[in-house]
Amino acid sequence: MCSKPDEVASSMSLESEGVASSDVLMVADLELLVTKVFLTAETKEVRHLHRVLRKTFGEYRRKWTAQMLRSLVKKFFPDAHQHKEALLAYFGGETAQGDGVTPMEVDDEPTEDQTPSKEFPLEVEIYLSLLVLVWLIDSGRYDEGCELSNTLVSRLEGQHMGTLDPLSVKVYFYYSRSHELSGKLAMIRKKLFSLHQTAILHHNVMSQTTLLNLLLRNYLEFNLYDQAHKLISKTEFKESSAPSNELARYYYYQGRIKCLDPLQYRIAFEYLQQALRKAPATFAHGFRVAVIKITCIVQLLMGEIPERSLFLQKDLIGRLRPYLQLTAAVRYGDLGAFNRYIAHHDAVFTRDKTINLIQRMRNNVIKTGLHKISLSYSRIHFKDICEKLKLDSIEDAEFIVSKAIKDGTFDATIDHAGGFVANKEAVDVYSTTEPQEQFNARIQLFLNIHNDAVKAMRYMPSSNKNLKLEEGDLKLKNEEEELTAALAEDDQFF
C-alpha cells in the first residue's frame, strides 16, 4: 500500500502529464488492471485476464482519455522497448526520447537497443496497445487504427500461449472493425481466412468463433450470400463453448442467410428469435434493432403479423417506426399505403439491406386485401377488386385472384363470363388441421427452450462418486450371489 506522500507524488506526476485531478482515480483503476495483466503473465491463470477485459470494455470503455493512456504507456513500457515511441506518437506532442518515430514503425531486423525487454510480458504489450487501438477507433482515426491493428495481428502470429487467447479475440474484432470503418474490409478477407485456419489447427475455440463471425460479416457486407452459405456448410461452430455474444451474432447471420430462400422462412425466423434471446437486454441497442428489423420482415413474409409491443420498446421506437408503418400496411392489405411507405423510406430500407425482402411482400399485401374482401363480400366484380387494391388492370386482378385461390388464401370460384368472383361457404377452422399445427409449433418451441436450458446446466463433480459406484457394484454382486444360491437350492430340491 502506497503512503500518503507517494500518492501525492503520483498525482502530481499525473497532472504534469496533462491528466486532470478528477481523473486520477480513473488512472489508478486502469493501472490496477494492468497489474492484473502482469499477474496473468506470471501465474498463467487466464481468469484474471477475463475479469480485466470485462472491466475494461464494460465499465471504462467510454471514460479513458488520451492523457490517461499516454501516462499508462509511459509508465509501464520499458524505455528500450521498440513499440513505446510508436504508441506515444499517436498522442502527438513529444515522445519519450523525442526521435520523431512514426506510429508503429517496425524495422525488419531490430537492433539490440530496439529489442523489447525479456522481462516485459507480451500480454501487457498487447493489452496496452489494444487500449490505444480502441481509442483511435473511437476518435475517428480509422487509418491509424488500421495501421496499429495490422501491427498487433502480426505480433500475435506465431504466439500460441493460452494467456493470449482472450486478447487475440479482441484484437481480431477491432482489426476487422477498423478496416470496415475505413472502407478496407474486402482487403483483409484472405487474412481472416488464414487466422481462422490457424485457430482451428491450434484448437483455439474462442478465436474460431470470433473469426467465423467476422468472415460471415465480411461476406454479408458485400452481399456475397452464396459464399457465406458455403462457409457455414463447410465449417463447424461450437455452440456449446461459444460466448453468448458470439452465439447471438452467429444466429443473426444464419437468419439473414436463410431468409433469402422462401422455403426456409420458418428456419430463419427461429434463428433470429434465438439471436434476440441471446442479445443483451440493457445495451447493444444497435444489434437488437438490426435483429428486430429482419425478424419483422421474415414474419410478414410468412403471413404472420408481429406484435405491436415489439416496435414500442424503449429507445428503439424511432428507429423501428418505418417497419411499424410497413407492418400496418400489410396488416390492413392496403397496397397504396404499402407503396407510399416504400417510396418514403427507400433510403432507410436500402441502408438496412432489406429492400429486396420488402419488395417480396407485395403479394402478401394483396393476399391480405383479398382475404378481407372475401370476408366482406360473397360476390364481387374484378373491377371493384382492382379499385380497392389499387391494381393496374382488371386482367391483373383476375390473375392475382386465381393465384390466391390456388394458394388457398380463400375458397372461391371465378366466373369469367360475368367478370366476378363468388365465395364459397366459410369452413370451420376447427375442422381443419390448422389448430393442431399451431399447437404443435408452440410445443416444439417450449421443448427447444427446455433442451437449451438442460444443456446449459453445469454440475459440480461429486467427491463420493467413486465410493457410490463401489457400493453399488458390491450390492449388485451380493444380489447375484444370493440369486445363484437360491437357484442351486431349487436344483437340489428337484
Protein backbone atom coordinates (compact mmCIF):
# COMPACT_ATOMS: atom_id res chain seq x y z
CA MET A 1 0.00 0.00 0.00
CA CYS A 2 1.38 3.39 -1.00
CA SER A 3 1.99 6.00 1.67
CA LYS A 4 0.38 9.41 1.53
CA PRO A 5 3.48 11.22 0.20
CA ASP A 6 3.74 8.63 -2.57
CA GLU A 7 0.12 9.20 -3.53
CA VAL A 8 0.67 12.96 -3.63
CA ALA A 9 3.77 12.50 -5.79
CA SER A 10 1.88 10.17 -8.11
CA SER A 11 -0.99 12.64 -8.53
CA MET A 12 1.46 15.48 -9.19
CA SER A 13 3.20 13.43 -11.87
CA LEU A 14 -0.12 12.63 -13.50
CA GLU A 15 -1.13 16.30 -13.51
CA SER A 16 2.19 17.10 -15.15
CA GLU A 17 1.27 14.62 -17.91
CA GLY A 18 -1.92 16.54 -18.61
CA VAL A 19 -4.24 14.30 -16.58
CA ALA A 20 -6.87 16.24 -14.65
CA SER A 21 -7.03 15.78 -10.90
CA SER A 22 -10.60 14.42 -11.19
CA ASP A 23 -9.32 11.62 -13.43
CA VAL A 24 -6.55 10.48 -11.09
CA LEU A 25 -8.77 7.76 -9.60
CA MET A 26 -9.61 6.54 -13.07
CA VAL A 27 -5.91 6.26 -13.92
CA ALA A 28 -5.32 4.36 -10.68
CA ASP A 29 -8.04 1.88 -11.64
CA LEU A 30 -6.50 1.38 -15.08
CA GLU A 31 -3.08 0.86 -13.51
CA LEU A 32 -4.61 -1.79 -11.24
CA LEU A 33 -5.96 -3.57 -14.32
CA VAL A 34 -2.51 -3.52 -15.92
CA THR A 35 -1.01 -5.07 -12.80
CA LYS A 36 -3.59 -7.88 -13.08
CA VAL A 37 -2.42 -8.48 -16.65
CA PHE A 38 1.12 -8.76 -15.25
CA LEU A 39 -0.27 -11.28 -12.76
CA THR A 40 -1.81 -13.29 -15.60
CA ALA A 41 1.51 -13.41 -17.43
CA GLU A 42 3.26 -14.55 -14.27
CA THR A 43 0.78 -17.15 -12.96
CA LYS A 44 -0.65 -18.24 -16.38
CA GLU A 45 -4.19 -18.05 -14.93
CA VAL A 46 -6.48 -16.65 -17.60
CA ARG A 47 -9.32 -15.88 -15.19
CA HIS A 48 -7.59 -12.66 -14.15
CA LEU A 49 -7.41 -11.54 -17.77
CA HIS A 50 -11.09 -12.30 -18.38
CA ARG A 51 -12.02 -10.05 -15.46
CA VAL A 52 -9.73 -7.32 -16.74
CA LEU A 53 -11.31 -7.37 -20.21
CA ARG A 54 -14.85 -7.34 -18.80
CA LYS A 55 -13.98 -4.36 -16.65
CA THR A 56 -12.10 -2.56 -19.41
CA PHE A 57 -14.65 -2.82 -22.20
CA GLY A 58 -17.73 -2.81 -19.98
CA GLU A 59 -17.18 -0.08 -17.41
CA TYR A 60 -14.19 2.01 -18.55
CA ARG A 61 -14.61 1.99 -22.35
CA ARG A 62 -16.07 5.50 -22.60
CA LYS A 63 -14.17 7.04 -19.69
CA TRP A 64 -10.49 6.97 -20.60
CA THR A 65 -8.81 9.88 -22.38
CA ALA A 66 -5.66 10.34 -24.44
CA GLN A 67 -3.76 11.70 -21.42
CA MET A 68 -4.65 8.65 -19.34
CA LEU A 69 -3.49 6.20 -21.99
CA ARG A 70 -0.33 8.21 -22.60
CA SER A 71 0.56 8.06 -18.91
CA LEU A 72 -0.04 4.29 -18.85
CA VAL A 73 2.22 3.71 -21.86
CA LYS A 74 5.00 5.89 -20.42
CA LYS A 75 4.78 4.22 -17.01
CA PHE A 76 4.65 0.53 -17.93
CA PHE A 77 6.58 0.26 -21.21
CA PRO A 78 10.36 -0.03 -20.77
CA ASP A 79 12.36 2.82 -22.30
CA ALA A 80 14.19 0.42 -24.61
CA HIS A 81 11.01 -1.13 -25.98
CA GLN A 82 10.75 -0.70 -29.78
CA HIS A 83 6.97 -0.02 -29.72
CA LYS A 84 6.90 2.57 -26.94
CA GLU A 85 7.83 5.51 -29.13
CA ALA A 86 5.40 4.38 -31.81
CA LEU A 87 2.47 4.24 -29.39
CA LEU A 88 3.32 7.61 -27.85
CA ALA A 89 3.45 9.13 -31.34
CA TYR A 90 -0.30 8.52 -31.74
CA PHE A 91 -0.99 11.01 -28.95
CA GLY A 92 1.05 13.79 -30.56
CA GLY A 93 3.44 16.08 -28.73
CA GLU A 94 6.86 15.00 -27.55
CA THR A 95 7.73 11.32 -27.37
CA ALA A 96 9.81 9.78 -24.63
CA GLN A 97 13.12 10.33 -26.42
CA GLY A 98 11.99 12.86 -29.00
CA ASP A 99 13.32 10.99 -32.03
CA GLY A 100 10.20 11.54 -34.15
CA VAL A 101 9.40 7.89 -34.84
CA THR A 102 6.32 7.40 -36.99
CA PRO A 103 3.42 5.41 -35.50
CA MET A 104 4.11 1.70 -35.05
CA GLU A 105 7.17 1.73 -37.28
CA VAL A 106 8.88 -1.67 -37.01
CA ASP A 107 12.19 -2.45 -38.65
CA ASP A 108 12.68 -5.80 -40.36
CA GLU A 109 15.80 -6.53 -38.28
CA PRO A 110 15.68 -4.62 -35.00
CA THR A 111 18.90 -3.72 -33.30
CA GLU A 112 19.79 -4.65 -29.74
CA ASP A 113 18.56 -1.32 -28.40
CA GLN A 114 15.21 -1.76 -30.14
CA THR A 115 14.64 -5.32 -28.93
CA PRO A 116 11.95 -5.42 -26.22
CA SER A 117 12.95 -6.36 -22.76
CA LYS A 118 12.61 -10.07 -21.99
CA GLU A 119 11.02 -9.25 -18.65
CA PHE A 120 8.24 -7.25 -20.26
CA PRO A 121 5.32 -9.64 -20.91
CA LEU A 122 3.73 -9.77 -24.33
CA GLU A 123 0.29 -9.84 -22.67
CA VAL A 124 0.84 -6.37 -21.21
CA GLU A 125 2.16 -5.05 -24.51
CA ILE A 126 -0.90 -6.33 -26.41
CA TYR A 127 -3.30 -5.06 -23.72
CA LEU A 128 -1.94 -1.50 -23.67
CA SER A 129 -1.74 -1.41 -27.47
CA LEU A 130 -5.35 -2.62 -27.61
CA LEU A 131 -6.43 0.30 -25.43
CA VAL A 132 -4.73 2.70 -27.83
CA LEU A 133 -6.38 0.97 -30.80
CA VAL A 134 -9.86 1.32 -29.30
CA TRP A 135 -9.17 4.97 -28.51
CA LEU A 136 -8.11 5.59 -32.13
CA ILE A 137 -11.34 3.99 -33.43
CA ASP A 138 -13.50 5.98 -31.00
CA SER A 139 -11.69 9.16 -32.06
CA GLY A 140 -12.45 8.55 -35.75
CA ARG A 141 -8.81 7.97 -36.74
CA TYR A 142 -9.59 4.84 -38.72
CA ASP A 143 -6.50 4.78 -40.94
CA GLU A 144 -4.17 4.92 -37.95
CA GLY A 145 -6.35 2.27 -36.30
CA CYS A 146 -5.84 0.02 -39.35
CA GLU A 147 -2.09 0.54 -39.11
CA LEU A 148 -1.97 -0.30 -35.40
CA SER A 149 -4.30 -3.31 -35.78
CA ASN A 150 -2.10 -4.72 -38.56
CA THR A 151 0.87 -4.47 -36.24
CA LEU A 152 -0.98 -6.20 -33.39
CA VAL A 153 -2.09 -9.07 -35.64
CA SER A 154 1.47 -9.54 -36.88
CA ARG A 155 2.69 -9.54 -33.26
CA LEU A 156 0.22 -12.32 -32.39
CA GLU A 157 1.25 -14.53 -35.28
CA GLY A 158 3.36 -17.43 -34.14
CA GLN A 159 2.37 -16.88 -30.49
CA HIS A 160 0.36 -19.81 -29.12
CA MET A 161 0.24 -19.03 -25.40
CA GLY A 162 -3.07 -19.68 -23.70
CA THR A 163 -2.94 -16.35 -21.88
CA LEU A 164 -3.08 -14.54 -25.23
CA ASP A 165 -6.35 -16.14 -26.38
CA PRO A 166 -8.75 -13.60 -24.78
CA LEU A 167 -6.61 -10.71 -26.03
CA SER A 168 -6.35 -12.15 -29.55
CA VAL A 169 -10.16 -12.31 -29.78
CA LYS A 170 -10.39 -8.59 -29.02
CA VAL A 171 -7.55 -7.78 -31.40
CA TYR A 172 -9.21 -9.67 -34.28
CA PHE A 173 -12.54 -7.98 -33.66
CA TYR A 174 -11.11 -4.45 -33.70
CA TYR A 175 -8.84 -5.40 -36.59
CA SER A 176 -11.92 -6.10 -38.68
CA ARG A 177 -13.82 -3.14 -37.24
CA SER A 178 -11.12 -0.60 -38.05
CA HIS A 179 -10.84 -1.84 -41.64
CA GLU A 180 -14.62 -1.82 -42.03
CA LEU A 181 -14.89 1.80 -40.87
CA SER A 182 -12.06 2.84 -43.17
CA GLY A 183 -13.59 1.09 -46.20
CA LYS A 184 -10.92 -1.61 -46.47
CA LEU A 185 -12.94 -4.61 -45.32
CA ALA A 186 -12.51 -6.63 -48.52
CA MET A 187 -8.72 -6.38 -48.25
CA ILE A 188 -8.50 -8.42 -45.04
CA ARG A 189 -10.70 -11.36 -46.08
CA LYS A 190 -7.74 -13.53 -47.04
CA LYS A 191 -6.02 -12.70 -43.74
CA LEU A 192 -9.13 -13.62 -41.75
CA PHE A 193 -9.25 -16.99 -43.51
CA SER A 194 -5.60 -17.62 -42.62
CA LEU A 195 -6.18 -16.68 -38.97
CA HIS A 196 -9.27 -18.91 -38.80
CA GLN A 197 -7.33 -21.86 -40.19
CA THR A 198 -4.56 -21.31 -37.65
CA ALA A 199 -7.11 -21.13 -34.81
CA ILE A 200 -8.61 -24.46 -35.91
CA LEU A 201 -5.21 -26.16 -36.07
CA HIS A 202 -4.38 -24.98 -32.53
CA HIS A 203 -7.88 -25.77 -31.15
CA ASN A 204 -8.41 -22.15 -30.13
CA VAL A 205 -12.22 -22.21 -29.83
CA MET A 206 -12.54 -18.55 -28.78
CA SER A 207 -10.72 -17.31 -31.87
CA GLN A 208 -12.53 -19.80 -34.13
CA THR A 209 -15.99 -18.48 -33.23
CA THR A 210 -14.95 -14.84 -33.45
CA LEU A 211 -13.16 -15.20 -36.79
CA LEU A 212 -16.03 -17.21 -38.31
CA ASN A 213 -18.46 -14.43 -37.40
CA LEU A 214 -16.06 -11.83 -38.81
CA LEU A 215 -15.86 -13.76 -42.09
CA LEU A 216 -19.66 -14.01 -42.29
CA ARG A 217 -19.97 -10.28 -41.62
CA ASN A 218 -17.36 -9.64 -44.31
CA TYR A 219 -19.34 -11.65 -46.87
CA LEU A 220 -22.73 -10.18 -45.96
CA GLU A 221 -21.35 -6.64 -46.12
CA PHE A 222 -20.75 -7.20 -49.85
CA ASN A 223 -23.94 -9.27 -50.39
CA LEU A 224 -21.95 -12.47 -51.02
CA TYR A 225 -24.65 -14.73 -49.60
CA ASP A 226 -23.68 -17.82 -51.61
CA GLN A 227 -20.12 -17.72 -50.29
CA ALA A 228 -21.40 -17.18 -46.74
CA HIS A 229 -23.72 -20.19 -47.07
CA LYS A 230 -20.86 -22.37 -48.34
CA LEU A 231 -18.64 -21.20 -45.47
CA ILE A 232 -21.27 -22.21 -42.89
CA SER A 233 -21.79 -25.59 -44.53
CA LYS A 234 -18.04 -26.34 -44.54
CA THR A 235 -17.20 -25.19 -41.01
CA GLU A 236 -18.30 -26.15 -37.52
CA PHE A 237 -19.50 -23.60 -34.99
CA LYS A 238 -19.17 -24.98 -31.47
CA GLU A 239 -22.28 -23.54 -29.86
CA SER A 240 -21.72 -25.26 -26.51
CA SER A 241 -18.43 -23.45 -25.86
CA ALA A 242 -19.09 -20.15 -27.67
CA PRO A 243 -19.73 -16.96 -25.66
CA SER A 244 -23.29 -15.65 -25.70
CA ASN A 245 -22.40 -12.53 -27.71
CA GLU A 246 -20.73 -14.55 -30.47
CA LEU A 247 -23.62 -17.02 -30.40
CA ALA A 248 -26.10 -14.17 -30.88
CA ARG A 249 -24.11 -12.85 -33.86
CA TYR A 250 -23.91 -16.32 -35.41
CA TYR A 251 -27.68 -16.84 -35.12
CA TYR A 252 -28.28 -13.40 -36.64
CA TYR A 253 -26.04 -14.12 -39.64
CA GLN A 254 -27.69 -17.53 -40.06
CA GLY A 255 -31.10 -15.85 -40.11
CA ARG A 256 -30.01 -13.33 -42.71
CA ILE A 257 -28.68 -16.09 -44.95
CA LYS A 258 -31.67 -18.40 -44.56
CA CYS A 259 -34.31 -15.71 -45.16
CA LEU A 260 -33.27 -15.37 -48.81
CA ASP A 261 -34.80 -18.79 -49.51
CA PRO A 262 -38.64 -18.65 -49.41
CA LEU A 263 -38.71 -22.29 -48.32
CA GLN A 264 -36.65 -21.52 -45.21
CA TYR A 265 -38.53 -18.55 -43.76
CA ARG A 266 -39.52 -20.57 -40.70
CA ILE A 267 -35.92 -21.70 -40.04
CA ALA A 268 -34.67 -18.12 -40.48
CA PHE A 269 -37.32 -16.86 -38.07
CA GLU A 270 -36.22 -19.38 -35.41
CA TYR A 271 -32.57 -18.34 -35.78
CA LEU A 272 -33.50 -14.67 -35.43
CA GLN A 273 -35.61 -15.38 -32.35
CA GLN A 274 -32.63 -17.17 -30.79
CA ALA A 275 -30.39 -14.20 -31.61
CA LEU A 276 -32.89 -11.87 -29.93
CA ARG A 277 -32.92 -14.03 -26.80
CA LYS A 278 -29.12 -14.20 -26.62
CA ALA A 279 -28.67 -10.45 -27.18
CA PRO A 280 -28.12 -8.26 -24.09
CA ALA A 281 -31.33 -6.69 -22.81
CA THR A 282 -29.85 -3.48 -21.36
CA PHE A 283 -27.32 -2.47 -24.04
CA ALA A 284 -26.29 -3.37 -27.63
CA HIS A 285 -29.35 -1.49 -28.92
CA GLY A 286 -27.96 -1.37 -32.46
CA PHE A 287 -27.76 -5.15 -32.63
CA ARG A 288 -31.27 -5.59 -31.23
CA VAL A 289 -32.65 -3.11 -33.76
CA ALA A 290 -30.97 -4.96 -36.66
CA VAL A 291 -32.37 -8.30 -35.47
CA ILE A 292 -35.88 -6.91 -34.93
CA LYS A 293 -35.95 -5.40 -38.43
CA ILE A 294 -35.12 -8.70 -40.15
CA THR A 295 -37.41 -10.64 -37.78
CA CYS A 296 -40.33 -8.34 -38.60
CA ILE A 297 -39.85 -8.76 -42.35
CA VAL A 298 -39.45 -12.55 -42.18
CA GLN A 299 -42.57 -12.83 -40.03
CA LEU A 300 -44.56 -10.77 -42.54
CA LEU A 301 -43.29 -12.93 -45.39
CA MET A 302 -44.54 -15.99 -43.50
CA GLY A 303 -48.02 -14.44 -43.41
CA GLU A 304 -47.90 -13.53 -39.71
CA ILE A 305 -48.22 -10.11 -38.09
CA PRO A 306 -45.58 -9.13 -35.48
CA GLU A 307 -46.78 -7.95 -32.10
CA ARG A 308 -47.06 -4.20 -31.70
CA SER A 309 -45.05 -4.27 -28.46
CA LEU A 310 -42.01 -5.36 -30.49
CA PHE A 311 -41.85 -1.87 -32.06
CA LEU A 312 -42.61 0.08 -28.89
CA GLN A 313 -39.56 -0.85 -26.84
CA LYS A 314 -37.79 1.94 -25.02
CA ASP A 315 -35.02 3.70 -27.00
CA LEU A 316 -35.97 1.74 -30.16
CA ILE A 317 -39.25 3.41 -31.21
CA GLY A 318 -37.73 5.99 -33.56
CA ARG A 319 -35.53 3.55 -35.46
CA LEU A 320 -38.33 1.00 -35.86
CA ARG A 321 -41.07 3.42 -36.97
CA PRO A 322 -40.66 2.73 -40.75
CA TYR A 323 -41.11 -1.00 -40.11
CA LEU A 324 -44.14 -0.35 -37.89
CA GLN A 325 -45.79 1.60 -40.71
CA LEU A 326 -44.92 -1.17 -43.15
CA THR A 327 -46.46 -3.75 -40.84
CA ALA A 328 -49.66 -1.72 -40.57
CA ALA A 329 -49.94 -1.55 -44.38
CA VAL A 330 -49.52 -5.33 -44.66
CA ARG A 331 -51.97 -5.96 -41.85
CA TYR A 332 -54.76 -3.95 -43.47
CA GLY A 333 -53.91 -5.10 -47.01
CA ASP A 334 -53.52 -1.50 -48.19
CA LEU A 335 -51.34 -1.72 -51.29
CA GLY A 336 -51.40 2.05 -51.85
CA ALA A 337 -50.07 2.77 -48.35
CA PHE A 338 -47.53 -0.02 -48.78
CA ASN A 339 -46.13 1.58 -51.95
CA ARG A 340 -46.08 5.03 -50.33
CA TYR A 341 -44.14 3.81 -47.31
CA ILE A 342 -41.58 2.06 -49.51
CA ALA A 343 -41.06 5.22 -51.57
CA HIS A 344 -40.85 7.43 -48.46
CA HIS A 345 -38.40 5.20 -46.53
CA ASP A 346 -36.47 3.86 -49.51
CA ALA A 347 -33.16 5.24 -48.19
CA VAL A 348 -33.68 3.57 -44.80
CA PHE A 349 -34.56 0.19 -46.32
CA THR A 350 -31.65 0.37 -48.75
CA ARG A 351 -29.20 1.17 -45.95
CA ASP A 352 -30.57 -1.71 -43.88
CA LYS A 353 -30.27 -4.03 -46.93
CA THR A 354 -33.90 -5.13 -46.54
CA ILE A 355 -35.37 -3.54 -49.67
CA ASN A 356 -35.28 -6.80 -51.67
CA LEU A 357 -37.14 -8.71 -48.96
CA ILE A 358 -39.67 -5.90 -48.57
CA GLN A 359 -40.46 -5.96 -52.27
CA ARG A 360 -41.41 -9.62 -51.91
CA MET A 361 -44.19 -8.62 -49.53
CA ARG A 362 -46.31 -7.06 -52.28
CA ASN A 363 -48.06 -10.38 -52.89
CA ASN A 364 -48.67 -10.75 -49.15
CA VAL A 365 -50.34 -7.33 -49.05
CA ILE A 366 -52.55 -8.26 -51.99
CA LYS A 367 -53.45 -11.61 -50.41
CA THR A 368 -54.37 -9.90 -47.15
CA GLY A 369 -56.55 -7.43 -49.03
CA LEU A 370 -58.25 -10.26 -50.93
CA HIS A 371 -58.85 -12.13 -47.69
CA LYS A 372 -60.55 -9.08 -46.15
CA ILE A 373 -62.64 -8.64 -49.31
CA SER A 374 -63.70 -12.30 -49.18
CA LEU A 375 -64.89 -11.82 -45.60
CA SER A 376 -66.93 -8.74 -46.54
CA TYR A 377 -68.45 -9.78 -49.87
CA SER A 378 -69.97 -13.03 -51.05
CA ARG A 379 -69.59 -11.88 -54.65
CA ILE A 380 -67.52 -9.03 -56.09
CA HIS A 381 -66.53 -7.94 -59.60
CA PHE A 382 -62.90 -7.76 -60.70
CA LYS A 383 -63.33 -4.06 -61.46
CA ASP A 384 -64.14 -3.37 -57.79
CA ILE A 385 -61.22 -5.53 -56.66
CA CYS A 386 -58.93 -3.54 -58.95
CA GLU A 387 -60.13 -0.25 -57.40
CA LYS A 388 -59.88 -1.44 -53.80
CA LEU A 389 -56.39 -2.94 -54.15
CA LYS A 390 -55.06 -0.17 -56.45
CA LEU A 391 -54.12 -2.65 -59.19
CA ASP A 392 -53.15 -1.62 -62.71
CA SER A 393 -55.76 -3.52 -64.72
CA ILE A 394 -58.69 -5.92 -64.46
CA GLU A 395 -56.58 -8.69 -66.04
CA ASP A 396 -54.03 -8.32 -63.23
CA ALA A 397 -56.82 -8.56 -60.67
CA GLU A 398 -58.16 -11.75 -62.27
CA PHE A 399 -54.69 -13.31 -62.37
CA ILE A 400 -53.96 -12.40 -58.73
CA VAL A 401 -57.33 -13.77 -57.56
CA SER A 402 -56.68 -17.04 -59.43
CA LYS A 403 -53.25 -17.36 -57.81
CA ALA A 404 -54.70 -16.63 -54.35
CA ILE A 405 -57.39 -19.30 -54.78
CA LYS A 406 -54.77 -21.82 -55.88
CA ASP A 407 -52.58 -20.97 -52.85
CA GLY A 408 -55.54 -21.45 -50.51
CA THR A 409 -55.84 -17.83 -49.37
CA PHE A 410 -59.63 -18.11 -49.65
CA ASP A 411 -62.12 -20.55 -51.11
CA ALA A 412 -63.99 -19.12 -54.11
CA THR A 413 -64.92 -19.68 -57.75
CA ILE A 414 -64.30 -17.37 -60.69
CA ASP A 415 -66.96 -16.56 -63.25
CA HIS A 416 -65.00 -15.36 -66.28
CA ALA A 417 -68.12 -14.62 -68.33
CA GLY A 418 -69.71 -12.49 -65.62
CA GLY A 419 -66.37 -10.96 -64.53
CA PHE A 420 -66.77 -11.64 -60.82
CA VAL A 421 -65.58 -13.99 -58.08
CA ALA A 422 -68.03 -15.77 -55.75
CA ASN A 423 -67.02 -17.03 -52.31
CA LYS A 424 -67.97 -20.46 -51.05
CA GLU A 425 -69.33 -21.14 -47.59
CA ALA A 426 -66.85 -20.47 -44.78
CA VAL A 427 -65.32 -23.62 -43.35
CA ASP A 428 -64.99 -24.05 -39.62
CA VAL A 429 -61.29 -23.70 -38.86
CA TYR A 430 -61.52 -26.26 -36.06
CA SER A 431 -62.46 -28.90 -38.60
CA THR A 432 -59.09 -28.45 -40.28
CA THR A 433 -55.56 -29.30 -39.12
CA GLU A 434 -54.54 -25.68 -38.54
CA PRO A 435 -55.19 -25.66 -34.72
CA GLN A 436 -53.17 -28.85 -34.38
CA GLU A 437 -50.28 -27.35 -36.37
CA GLN A 438 -50.27 -24.19 -34.24
CA PHE A 439 -50.38 -26.24 -31.03
CA ASN A 440 -47.52 -28.43 -32.26
CA ALA A 441 -45.43 -25.36 -33.13
CA ARG A 442 -45.83 -23.98 -29.59
CA ILE A 443 -44.95 -27.32 -28.02
CA GLN A 444 -41.81 -27.52 -30.19
CA LEU A 445 -40.76 -24.02 -29.14
CA PHE A 446 -41.01 -24.82 -25.43
CA LEU A 447 -39.23 -28.15 -25.89
CA ASN A 448 -36.33 -26.36 -27.59
CA ILE A 449 -36.12 -23.85 -24.73
CA HIS A 450 -36.14 -26.71 -22.21
CA ASN A 451 -33.40 -28.60 -24.09
CA ASP A 452 -31.23 -25.46 -24.28
CA ALA A 453 -31.67 -24.93 -20.53
CA VAL A 454 -30.68 -28.53 -19.78
CA LYS A 455 -27.59 -28.24 -21.99
CA ALA A 456 -26.55 -25.05 -20.21
CA MET A 457 -26.69 -26.67 -16.76
CA ARG A 458 -23.43 -27.50 -15.02
CA TYR A 459 -22.94 -29.97 -12.14
CA MET A 460 -20.22 -29.92 -9.56
CA PRO A 461 -18.09 -33.11 -9.54
CA SER A 462 -19.03 -35.35 -6.63
CA SER A 463 -16.19 -36.39 -4.33
CA ASN A 464 -18.09 -39.53 -3.29
CA LYS A 465 -18.84 -40.59 -6.87
CA ASN A 466 -16.33 -43.46 -6.95
CA LEU A 467 -17.36 -44.57 -3.46
CA LYS A 468 -21.02 -44.72 -4.52
CA LEU A 469 -20.11 -46.73 -7.60
CA GLU A 470 -18.14 -49.20 -5.49
CA GLU A 471 -21.04 -49.57 -3.06
CA GLY A 472 -23.44 -50.12 -5.94
CA ASP A 473 -21.21 -52.75 -7.52
CA LEU A 474 -20.85 -54.54 -4.17
CA LYS A 475 -24.61 -54.54 -3.65
CA LEU A 476 -25.21 -55.90 -7.16
CA LYS A 477 -22.60 -58.62 -6.59
CA ASN A 478 -24.29 -59.68 -3.33
CA GLU A 479 -27.66 -59.87 -5.06
CA GLU A 480 -26.18 -62.05 -7.81
CA GLU A 481 -24.63 -64.41 -5.24
CA GLU A 482 -27.93 -64.75 -3.37
CA LEU A 483 -29.76 -65.46 -6.64
CA THR A 484 -27.20 -68.12 -7.60
CA ALA A 485 -27.51 -69.83 -4.19
CA ALA A 486 -31.30 -69.84 -4.46
CA LEU A 487 -31.16 -71.41 -7.91
CA ALA A 488 -28.74 -74.06 -6.62
CA GLU A 489 -31.14 -74.94 -3.78
CA ASP A 490 -34.01 -75.25 -6.27
CA ASP A 491 -31.93 -77.60 -8.42
CA GLN A 492 -31.19 -79.82 -5.40
CA PHE A 493 -34.87 -79.85 -4.44
CA PHE A 494 -35.95 -81.08 -7.87
